[in-house]
Amino acid sequence: PNPTPNPTLTLTLLGRALTSEELKTIKTLFEQEKGREIFARILNTRRGSHDNRYSKGGLTALAGVICLCLDFCKEQLSVGAAKVLLVLSQTFYYIRDGAEGGGGSLM
């Protein structure tokens, strides 16, 4: 049984709502342990670079996709990708307006 997508997964990715076909593709990827591992590995490659900073909307979208992946991990009792994603979740952030110039803060 597939986990029910999080209600917030009618989220936007790349500035628009995900289509049902795109969501289906993501779910198909996460149904397989190898797909979840590849997703975690791709995110891990962004760790330590400046590619881990997002707009608030981008971070919300990423969080929704990570939560969907974690739902599949939970459903299938898969811990490998789940561990990596939980550690990585602490490395992605957005910068409030003015933070880079010293007037804001990290979130």
Protein backbone atom coordinates (compact mmCIF):
# COMPACT_ATOMS: atom_id res chain seq x y z
CA PRO A 1 0.00 0.00 0.00
CA ASN A 2 1.26 3.44 -0.96
CA PRO A 3 1.39 6.06 1.75
CA THR A 4 -1.15 8.81 1.28
CA PRO A 5 0.60 11.94 0.16
CA ASN A 6 0.90 14.65 2.73
CA PRO A 7 -1.87 17.23 2.18
CA THR A 8 0.81 19.89 1.75
CA LEU A 9 2.18 17.93 -1.21
CA THR A 10 -0.12 19.80 -3.49
CA LEU A 11 2.87 22.01 -3.24
CA THR A 12 4.78 23.94 -5.75
CA LEU A 13 8.01 22.87 -7.26
CA LEU A 14 9.75 25.20 -9.68
CA GLY A 15 7.12 27.84 -9.02
CA ARG A 16 4.03 25.83 -9.92
CA ALA A 17 1.86 23.08 -8.46
CA LEU A 18 2.97 19.53 -9.16
CA THR A 19 0.79 17.78 -11.69
CA SER A 20 -0.73 14.43 -10.79
CA GLU A 21 1.63 12.84 -13.33
CA GLU A 22 4.70 14.42 -11.70
CA LEU A 23 3.53 13.32 -8.27
CA LYS A 24 2.96 9.81 -9.62
CA THR A 25 6.52 9.77 -11.03
CA ILE A 26 7.97 10.83 -7.67
CA LYS A 27 5.92 8.20 -5.84
CA THR A 28 7.06 5.53 -8.34
CA LEU A 29 10.67 6.48 -7.61
CA PHE A 30 10.14 6.30 -3.84
CA GLU A 31 8.34 2.93 -3.98
CA GLN A 32 11.71 1.31 -4.63
CA GLU A 33 14.41 1.32 -1.98
CA LYS A 34 17.01 2.06 -4.65
CA GLY A 35 15.04 5.14 -5.74
CA ARG A 36 14.94 6.45 -2.18
CA GLU A 37 18.67 5.82 -1.80
CA ILE A 38 19.43 7.66 -5.05
CA PHE A 39 17.30 10.63 -3.96
CA ALA A 40 19.16 10.77 -0.62
CA ARG A 41 22.51 10.47 -2.40
CA ILE A 42 21.67 13.31 -4.79
CA LEU A 43 20.71 15.56 -1.88
CA ASN A 44 23.90 14.56 -0.10
CA THR A 45 25.99 15.79 -3.04
CA ARG A 46 24.58 19.27 -2.42
CA ARG A 47 25.70 19.18 1.21
CA GLY A 48 28.55 21.52 2.00
CA SER A 49 28.05 23.58 -1.12
CA HIS A 50 26.13 26.78 -1.42
CA ASP A 51 23.42 24.76 -3.19
CA ASN A 52 21.76 24.02 0.16
CA ARG A 53 20.23 27.51 0.47
CA TYR A 54 16.68 27.91 -0.81
CA SER A 55 13.92 30.44 -1.02
CA LYS A 56 11.27 29.87 1.62
CA GLY A 57 8.96 28.36 -1.02
CA GLY A 58 11.74 26.17 -2.39
CA LEU A 59 12.58 24.86 1.06
CA THR A 60 8.89 24.12 1.71
CA ALA A 61 8.70 22.18 -1.57
CA LEU A 62 11.87 20.24 -0.76
CA ALA A 63 10.55 19.45 2.71
CA GLY A 64 7.33 18.09 1.19
CA VAL A 65 9.21 15.77 -1.16
CA ILE A 66 11.52 14.62 1.67
CA CYS A 67 8.46 13.93 3.85
CA LEU A 68 6.93 11.85 1.06
CA CYS A 69 10.16 9.87 0.78
CA LEU A 70 10.18 9.37 4.56
CA ASP A 71 6.57 8.16 4.40
CA PHE A 72 7.66 5.42 2.00
CA CYS A 73 10.65 4.60 4.23
CA LYS A 74 8.30 4.21 7.19
CA GLU A 75 5.79 2.14 5.25
CA GLN A 76 8.49 -0.25 4.03
CA LEU A 77 10.58 -0.23 7.23
CA SER A 78 13.55 1.12 5.29
CA VAL A 79 16.13 2.85 7.47
CA GLY A 80 19.07 3.54 5.13
CA ALA A 81 17.67 6.46 3.17
CA ALA A 82 15.63 7.64 6.18
CA LYS A 83 18.77 8.09 8.28
CA VAL A 84 20.53 10.04 5.55
CA LEU A 85 17.49 12.25 4.92
CA LEU A 86 17.05 13.03 8.61
CA VAL A 87 20.68 14.08 8.91
CA LEU A 88 20.48 16.08 5.68
CA SER A 89 17.32 17.84 6.82
CA GLN A 90 19.50 19.87 9.15
CA THR A 91 21.70 21.13 6.32
CA PHE A 92 19.09 22.77 4.09
CA TYR A 93 17.84 26.23 4.97
CA TYR A 94 16.52 29.49 3.63
CA ILE A 95 17.81 32.96 4.30
CA ARG A 96 15.39 35.62 5.43
CA ASP A 97 15.45 38.90 3.54
CA GLY A 98 18.53 40.89 4.46
CA ALA A 99 20.36 37.96 6.11
CA GLU A 100 23.28 37.88 3.72
CA GLY A 101 23.95 41.56 4.37
CA GLY A 102 23.78 41.06 8.12
CA GLY A 103 20.22 42.33 8.54
CA GLY A 104 18.41 38.99 8.65
CA SER A 105 18.80 35.52 9.99
CA LEU A 106 18.97 31.91 8.84
CA MET A 107 15.89 29.73 9.09
